[in-house]
Protein backbone atom coordinates (compact mmCIF):
# COMPACT_ATOMS: atom_id res chain seq x y z
CA MET A 1 -4.29 -2.97 9.44
CA THR A 2 -6.08 0.20 8.40
CA THR A 3 -8.71 0.14 5.70
CA LYS A 4 -9.11 3.91 5.46
CA TYR A 5 -9.96 4.97 1.94
CA ALA A 6 -8.02 8.13 1.15
CA ILE A 7 -9.54 9.02 -2.19
CA ALA A 8 -13.04 10.41 -1.84
CA ALA A 9 -13.67 10.34 -5.57
CA VAL A 10 -12.97 6.62 -5.69
CA SER A 11 -15.38 5.98 -2.84
CA THR A 12 -18.04 8.01 -4.60
CA ALA A 13 -17.54 6.05 -7.80
CA ILE A 14 -17.98 2.78 -5.95
CA MET A 15 -21.21 3.94 -4.30
CA GLY A 16 -22.53 4.85 -7.71
CA LEU A 17 -22.15 1.39 -9.20
CA SER A 18 -25.28 -0.29 -10.46
CA ALA A 19 -27.06 -2.87 -8.35
CA GLY A 20 -26.22 -5.44 -11.02
CA ALA A 21 -22.58 -5.29 -9.97
CA ALA A 22 -23.52 -6.88 -6.67
CA LEU A 23 -24.67 -10.11 -8.31
CA ALA A 24 -21.30 -11.83 -7.87
CA GLN A 25 -21.39 -15.46 -6.83
CA ASP A 26 -22.39 -15.81 -3.20
CA ALA A 27 -19.45 -16.42 -0.88
CA ALA A 28 -16.96 -16.37 -3.77
CA THR A 29 -13.29 -16.12 -2.79
CA VAL A 30 -10.93 -13.59 -4.37
CA ALA A 31 -7.19 -13.47 -3.63
CA PHE A 32 -5.09 -10.30 -3.61
CA LEU A 33 -1.41 -11.29 -3.78
CA MET A 34 1.21 -8.54 -3.58
CA PRO A 35 4.96 -8.83 -4.25
CA ASP A 36 7.02 -7.22 -1.51
CA GLN A 37 7.23 -5.11 1.62
CA ALA A 38 10.03 -2.82 0.44
CA SER A 39 7.33 -0.29 -0.40
CA THR A 40 4.70 0.56 2.21
CA ARG A 41 2.05 1.15 -0.45
CA TYR A 42 0.62 -2.37 -0.44
CA GLU A 43 -0.40 -2.32 3.22
CA GLU A 44 -1.22 1.40 3.33
CA HIS A 45 -3.11 1.82 0.06
CA ASP A 46 -3.47 -1.11 -2.35
CA PHE A 47 -5.00 -3.73 -0.09
CA PRO A 48 -7.20 -1.33 1.92
CA GLY A 49 -8.47 0.11 -1.37
CA PHE A 50 -9.17 -3.31 -2.85
CA GLU A 51 -10.82 -4.55 0.32
CA ALA A 52 -13.08 -1.50 0.55
CA ALA A 53 -14.10 -1.81 -3.10
CA MET A 54 -14.86 -5.51 -2.76
CA LYS A 55 -17.04 -4.86 0.30
CA GLU A 56 -19.14 -2.47 -1.77
CA LEU A 57 -19.26 -4.67 -4.87
CA CYS A 58 -19.64 -8.10 -3.29
CA ALA A 59 -20.37 -7.98 0.42
CA ASP A 60 -20.48 -11.77 0.73
CA CYS A 61 -17.19 -12.38 -1.07
CA THR A 62 -14.15 -13.49 0.90
CA VAL A 63 -10.93 -11.57 0.19
CA ILE A 64 -7.58 -13.24 0.98
CA TYR A 65 -4.57 -10.94 1.20
CA GLN A 66 -0.97 -12.18 1.21
CA ASN A 67 2.41 -10.55 0.53
CA ALA A 68 5.34 -12.56 -0.84
CA ASN A 69 8.05 -10.32 0.65
CA ALA A 70 10.07 -10.44 -2.62
CA ASP A 71 10.29 -14.25 -2.47
CA VAL A 72 9.40 -16.03 -5.73
CA SER A 73 9.01 -19.41 -4.04
CA LEU A 74 6.78 -17.94 -1.35
CA GLN A 75 4.53 -16.37 -3.97
CA GLN A 76 4.24 -19.76 -5.69
CA GLN A 77 3.18 -21.27 -2.36
CA GLN A 78 0.68 -18.49 -1.81
CA VAL A 79 -0.91 -19.06 -5.23
CA ASN A 80 -1.20 -22.77 -4.47
CA SER A 81 -2.68 -21.94 -1.07
CA VAL A 82 -5.40 -19.61 -2.34
CA ILE A 83 -6.32 -22.05 -5.09
CA ALA A 84 -6.72 -24.73 -2.41
CA GLN A 85 -8.93 -22.28 -0.49
CA GLY A 86 -11.23 -22.00 -3.49
CA ALA A 87 -10.22 -18.67 -5.02
CA LYS A 88 -12.12 -18.01 -8.25
CA VAL A 89 -10.13 -14.88 -9.14
CA ILE A 90 -6.52 -14.04 -8.23
CA VAL A 91 -5.24 -10.48 -8.40
CA LEU A 92 -1.50 -10.98 -8.81
CA ASP A 93 1.31 -8.45 -8.55
CA PRO A 94 4.24 -10.72 -9.39
CA VAL A 95 7.59 -10.82 -7.62
CA ASP A 96 9.15 -12.06 -10.86
CA SER A 97 7.23 -11.26 -14.03
CA ALA A 98 8.82 -14.11 -15.99
CA ALA A 99 8.26 -16.72 -13.29
CA ALA A 100 4.64 -15.58 -12.97
CA ALA A 101 3.88 -16.95 -16.44
CA GLY A 102 3.77 -20.44 -14.93
CA LEU A 103 1.41 -19.25 -12.21
CA VAL A 104 -0.96 -17.81 -14.80
CA GLN A 105 -0.93 -21.00 -16.82
CA MET A 106 -1.56 -23.17 -13.77
CA ALA A 107 -4.46 -21.04 -12.53
CA GLN A 108 -6.09 -20.68 -15.91
CA SER A 109 -5.92 -24.44 -16.49
CA GLN A 110 -8.20 -24.77 -13.45
CA GLY A 111 -10.66 -22.14 -14.63
CA ILE A 112 -9.32 -19.45 -12.29
CA ARG A 113 -9.10 -15.91 -13.64
CA ILE A 114 -5.86 -13.97 -13.19
CA ILE A 115 -5.78 -10.18 -13.02
CA ALA A 116 -2.22 -8.90 -13.40
CA TYR A 117 -1.85 -5.93 -11.07
CA ASP A 118 0.66 -3.08 -11.43
CA ARG A 119 3.30 -5.35 -12.97
CA PRO A 120 2.53 -7.00 -16.31
CA ILE A 121 3.20 -10.65 -17.12
CA PRO A 122 4.59 -10.52 -20.68
CA ASP A 123 5.19 -14.23 -21.34
CA MET A 124 1.68 -15.54 -20.59
CA PRO A 125 -1.34 -13.28 -21.07
CA ALA A 126 -3.38 -12.83 -17.91
CA ASP A 127 -7.14 -12.43 -18.19
CA TYR A 128 -6.81 -8.70 -17.53
CA TYR A 129 -4.16 -6.15 -16.53
CA VAL A 130 -4.71 -2.99 -14.45
CA SER A 131 -1.99 -0.47 -13.68
CA PHE A 132 -0.81 3.05 -14.08
CA ASP A 133 1.04 3.74 -17.35
CA ASN A 134 4.51 2.67 -16.23
CA GLU A 135 6.35 3.71 -19.38
CA GLY A 136 4.63 7.08 -19.14
CA ILE A 137 5.73 7.35 -15.51
CA GLY A 138 9.38 6.84 -16.44
CA ALA A 139 9.19 9.37 -19.25
CA ALA A 140 7.44 11.93 -17.04
CA ILE A 141 9.82 11.83 -14.07
CA ALA A 142 12.89 11.96 -16.31
CA GLN A 143 11.51 14.77 -18.49
CA SER A 144 10.60 16.71 -15.36
CA LEU A 145 14.21 16.44 -14.22
CA VAL A 146 15.57 17.42 -17.63
CA ASP A 147 13.32 20.48 -17.73
CA HIS A 148 14.41 21.42 -14.20
CA LEU A 149 18.11 21.13 -15.04
CA LYS A 150 17.59 23.36 -18.08
CA ALA A 151 15.67 25.93 -16.04
CA GLU A 152 18.48 25.95 -13.47
CA GLY A 153 21.04 26.63 -16.21
CA VAL A 154 22.85 23.28 -15.93
CA GLU A 155 25.09 23.08 -18.96
CA ALA A 156 24.56 20.63 -21.82
CA GLY A 157 26.64 17.48 -21.44
CA ALA A 158 26.31 17.43 -17.65
CA GLY A 159 25.89 14.01 -16.08
CA VAL A 160 23.03 12.20 -14.36
CA LEU A 161 22.71 8.81 -12.71
CA GLN A 162 19.90 6.38 -13.54
CA ILE A 163 18.55 4.03 -10.85
CA ASN A 164 16.08 1.52 -12.25
CA GLY A 165 13.85 -0.93 -10.43
CA SER A 166 14.12 -4.68 -10.06
CA PRO A 167 15.40 -6.60 -13.11
CA THR A 168 12.74 -9.27 -12.47
CA ASP A 169 9.87 -6.76 -12.62
CA ALA A 170 8.42 -6.12 -16.09
CA ALA A 171 6.89 -2.85 -14.83
CA ALA A 172 10.38 -1.69 -13.86
CA GLY A 173 11.45 -2.43 -17.42
CA LEU A 174 8.65 -0.23 -18.74
CA ILE A 175 9.62 2.58 -16.34
CA ARG A 176 13.24 2.22 -17.51
CA ASP A 177 12.15 2.45 -21.14
CA GLY A 178 10.27 5.63 -20.37
CA ILE A 179 13.27 7.12 -18.56
CA ASP A 180 15.48 6.23 -21.51
CA SER A 181 13.09 7.94 -23.93
CA SER A 182 13.46 11.22 -22.05
CA LEU A 183 17.14 11.05 -21.17
CA ASP A 184 18.37 9.76 -24.52
CA GLY A 185 16.75 12.67 -26.30
CA SER A 186 18.11 15.26 -23.89
CA GLU A 187 21.37 17.18 -23.81
CA TYR A 188 22.46 15.44 -20.60
CA GLU A 189 24.68 12.38 -20.31
CA THR A 190 23.81 9.25 -18.34
CA LEU A 191 26.99 8.64 -16.35
CA SER A 192 25.98 5.22 -15.05
CA GLU A 193 22.88 3.02 -14.70
CA TYR A 194 21.81 0.41 -12.13
CA ASP A 195 19.04 -2.18 -11.87
CA THR A 196 18.10 -2.40 -8.18
CA PRO A 197 17.54 -5.99 -6.94
CA ASP A 198 14.05 -6.31 -5.40
CA TRP A 199 13.72 -2.50 -5.50
CA ALA A 200 15.69 -2.54 -2.23
CA PRO A 201 16.57 0.99 -1.00
CA PRO A 202 19.79 -0.18 0.76
CA LYS A 203 21.05 -1.56 -2.57
CA ALA A 204 20.30 1.76 -4.28
CA GLN A 205 22.08 3.59 -1.47
CA GLU A 206 25.15 1.36 -1.70
CA TRP A 207 25.37 1.78 -5.47
CA THR A 208 24.92 5.55 -5.29
CA ALA A 209 27.69 5.82 -2.70
CA GLY A 210 30.03 4.10 -5.15
CA GLN A 211 29.04 6.47 -7.95
CA ILE A 212 29.65 9.50 -5.74
CA THR A 213 33.20 8.22 -5.17
CA ARG A 214 33.55 7.63 -8.89
CA PHE A 215 32.02 10.81 -10.34
CA GLY A 216 31.89 13.34 -7.49
CA ASP A 217 30.39 16.69 -8.45
CA GLU A 218 29.88 15.55 -12.04
CA ILE A 219 26.53 14.20 -10.82
CA LYS A 220 23.98 16.93 -11.52
CA GLY A 221 20.85 14.85 -11.05
CA ILE A 222 19.57 11.33 -10.36
CA VAL A 223 16.61 9.65 -12.04
CA ALA A 224 15.40 7.08 -9.51
CA ALA A 225 12.51 4.85 -10.55
CA ASN A 226 10.60 4.93 -7.26
CA ASP A 227 10.59 6.68 -3.91
CA GLY A 228 12.39 3.87 -2.10
CA THR A 229 15.40 3.96 -4.43
CA ALA A 230 15.27 7.77 -4.39
CA GLY A 231 15.43 7.71 -0.59
CA GLY A 232 18.44 5.40 -0.76
CA ALA A 233 20.19 7.72 -3.21
CA ILE A 234 19.48 10.79 -1.08
CA ALA A 235 20.80 9.01 2.03
CA ALA A 236 24.03 8.24 0.17
CA LEU A 237 24.40 11.84 -0.98
CA LYS A 238 23.90 13.16 2.53
CA ALA A 239 26.25 10.60 4.06
CA ALA A 240 28.93 11.72 1.60
CA GLY A 241 28.40 15.35 2.57
CA VAL A 242 27.14 16.40 -0.88
CA SER A 243 25.59 19.86 -0.56
CA PRO A 244 23.37 20.96 -2.07
CA VAL A 245 21.82 17.60 -2.87
CA PRO A 246 21.28 17.38 -6.65
CA PRO A 247 17.67 16.86 -7.79
CA VAL A 248 16.47 13.27 -7.40
CA THR A 249 13.28 11.88 -8.96
CA GLY A 250 10.91 9.32 -7.47
CA ASN A 251 7.58 7.58 -7.97
CA ASP A 252 4.71 6.44 -5.66
CA ALA A 253 4.17 9.56 -3.50
CA THR A 254 4.98 7.74 -0.27
CA ILE A 255 4.77 9.78 2.92
CA ALA A 256 8.55 9.66 3.32
CA ALA A 257 9.03 10.97 -0.23
CA LEU A 258 6.49 13.74 0.23
CA GLN A 259 8.39 14.81 3.34
CA LEU A 260 11.67 14.81 1.39
CA ILE A 261 10.08 16.94 -1.33
CA ILE A 262 8.69 19.38 1.23
CA ALA A 263 12.15 19.60 2.81
CA GLY A 264 13.75 20.19 -0.61
CA ASP A 265 15.77 16.97 -0.63
CA GLN A 266 13.82 15.11 -3.36
CA TYR A 267 12.81 16.86 -6.56
CA ASN A 268 9.73 14.97 -7.73
CA THR A 269 7.52 11.93 -7.35
CA ILE A 270 4.47 10.51 -9.09
CA SER A 271 1.03 10.80 -7.54
CA LYS A 272 -0.72 7.58 -8.41
CA PRO A 273 -3.25 6.82 -5.69
CA SER A 274 -3.17 3.03 -5.57
CA GLU A 275 -6.81 2.95 -4.51
CA ILE A 276 -7.75 3.89 -8.09
CA VAL A 277 -6.07 0.78 -9.52
CA ALA A 278 -7.30 -1.34 -6.61
CA GLU A 279 -10.89 -0.29 -7.29
CA ALA A 280 -10.48 -1.10 -10.98
CA ALA A 281 -9.13 -4.55 -10.10
CA ALA A 282 -12.12 -5.15 -7.82
CA LYS A 283 -14.53 -4.19 -10.60
CA VAL A 284 -12.81 -6.59 -13.00
CA ALA A 285 -12.80 -9.37 -10.40
CA VAL A 286 -16.54 -9.02 -9.79
CA ALA A 287 -17.21 -8.94 -13.52
CA PHE A 288 -15.38 -12.24 -13.87
CA LEU A 289 -17.34 -13.71 -10.96
CA ASN A 290 -20.53 -12.69 -12.73
CA GLY A 291 -19.43 -14.42 -15.93
CA GLU A 292 -18.96 -11.10 -17.71
CA THR A 293 -16.14 -9.90 -19.98
CA PRO A 294 -14.63 -6.65 -18.65
CA GLU A 295 -14.14 -3.94 -21.22
CA ALA A 296 -10.54 -3.51 -22.38
CA LYS A 297 -9.47 0.14 -22.56
CA THR A 298 -6.24 -0.89 -24.30
CA THR A 299 -4.05 -3.98 -24.81
CA LEU A 300 -0.56 -4.65 -23.44
CA TYR A 301 1.35 -7.90 -23.97
CA ASP A 302 -1.74 -9.38 -25.64
CA THR A 303 -3.68 -8.76 -22.42
CA PRO A 304 -6.84 -6.64 -22.20
CA SER A 305 -5.82 -3.73 -20.00
CA GLU A 306 -6.72 -0.48 -18.30
CA LEU A 307 -3.87 1.96 -17.68
CA PHE A 308 -4.30 5.13 -15.63
CA VAL A 309 -2.40 8.38 -16.20
CA PRO A 310 -0.60 9.74 -13.11
CA ALA A 311 0.58 13.24 -12.17
CA VAL A 312 4.13 14.49 -11.52
CA VAL A 313 4.47 16.16 -8.11
CA THR A 314 7.15 18.69 -7.18
CA ARG A 315 7.49 21.19 -4.35
CA GLU A 316 5.65 23.71 -6.53
CA ASN A 317 2.42 21.71 -6.88
CA ILE A 318 2.51 19.35 -3.89
CA LYS A 319 -0.22 21.25 -2.03
CA ALA A 320 -2.61 21.15 -5.00
CA GLU A 321 -1.91 17.57 -6.08
CA ILE A 322 -1.59 15.85 -2.72
CA PHE A 323 -3.29 17.83 0.04
CA ASP A 324 -6.04 19.72 -1.77
CA LYS A 325 -7.12 16.43 -3.40
CA GLY A 326 -7.17 14.59 -0.08
CA ILE A 327 -4.57 12.01 -1.07
CA GLN A 328 -2.70 12.70 2.18
CA THR A 329 -3.47 14.96 5.11
CA PRO A 330 -1.18 17.54 6.72
CA GLU A 331 -1.46 15.60 9.99
CA GLU A 332 0.10 12.53 8.32
CA VAL A 333 2.91 14.35 6.51
CA CYS A 334 3.68 17.60 8.31
CA THR A 335 5.23 16.14 11.43
CA ALA A 336 7.53 18.19 13.65
CA ASP A 337 10.60 18.02 11.41
CA TYR A 338 8.59 19.32 8.44
CA ALA A 339 6.25 21.76 10.18
CA ASP A 340 8.08 24.93 9.12
CA ALA A 341 8.45 23.81 5.50
CA CYS A 342 4.76 22.88 5.36
CA LYS A 343 3.85 26.37 6.55
CA GLU A 344 6.17 27.89 3.95
CA LEU A 345 4.32 25.96 1.20
CA GLY A 346 0.90 26.89 2.56
CA ILE A 347 0.04 23.28 3.42
CA THR A 348 -0.54 24.27 7.05
CA GLN A 349 -1.23 27.59 8.70
C-alpha cells in the first residue's frame, strides 16, 4: 500500500508543527476505520495521508487501519477489535451514520475519544468531526451544472436526474440537501431522484438505465453525488447509445473521473484532497492523546468541527486545480487513451 503524500502544502504544514505536538503518549494506539471500498480514495489518499501525518506528529504511536467494506456488522467488530488492542482514539468514518451512534457511546463510556471523519454522526455527538463541507459540495456541483445548462442555452423547464449517495450516510444527506438548494431554485425540473445503496456505481448505472428508457432525450443533465455514481450514470448513457452524453456532475476527483472530464464525458467533480482532512484528524487525535481540547472551528450536530471548503473542477480549470497544484500528476492520469486530450488541455506537451 502506497503512502505517497500528494499534497506538498500539507506536508509542509506538518513539518512546521511545534515540538510540543510530539508529546503524545508513548506507544499510544490510534485506529483509522474507513467505511467502504466502493471508492478508491481511502486506500489511495485518506489512510496514506493520515499515516504520514501521524508519523510526523507521534513517531512512536501505533496506527491501525481497517476498512469495513460497507458492512455495518463488520465495522462493529472492527471497533471492538481496536478497543481490545488498546486504541485511545478512534477515527471513524461510519458505514451507517445512525448505527454509529452506538459505537460512539460504547467507546466514550470507556474513555476512548471518537473523531467522526468525513461522515457525521448526528444521533450521538462524537468528540470531534473533520470533513469537507458536504452541503456546500452538493450546492456547488449542482449550481455548476445549472450555470452550464444556462450557458449552453438549455431551455427553462428542461429535466435533470438526481443521483444521491447512500441513504445510511449522513454526509450523503448533507450533499443531497445542498443539491436540492441549487436545483430547487433553478429553472430546471428534477425528473427523478435516487438514493444509491452503499454508493455502489452498478446500482447507479442500473437506475440510470431505467430512467433513460423512461425519459429519453428529456434528460439534459445529471447531478451525481460522487464520481463513482457519476461513472455508473455515464456508463448507462453510453450503453444506451446516448450521444452526446449530457453533462454529469461528480465529487472526489478520482483518477477515473479526471480522465472522464478530460475526455469530455463528465462535466465536473470536486477537488477535495483527502490528505487535508486526514492531516486535520491526525492533529486532533494527537491533541486528545496529549490531554488537550482541540479548537472547534464550527459546530455540526452538537459536535466541535472543522469543515474545509473544496473547489469545483471542470475541463476548463482541471490543469490549474489538479495538475498545477500537484494533486495528481500527468503520468497518473494521462494514460494512452487520454494522451491527445491531455495535450489539447495543455496538461502535457
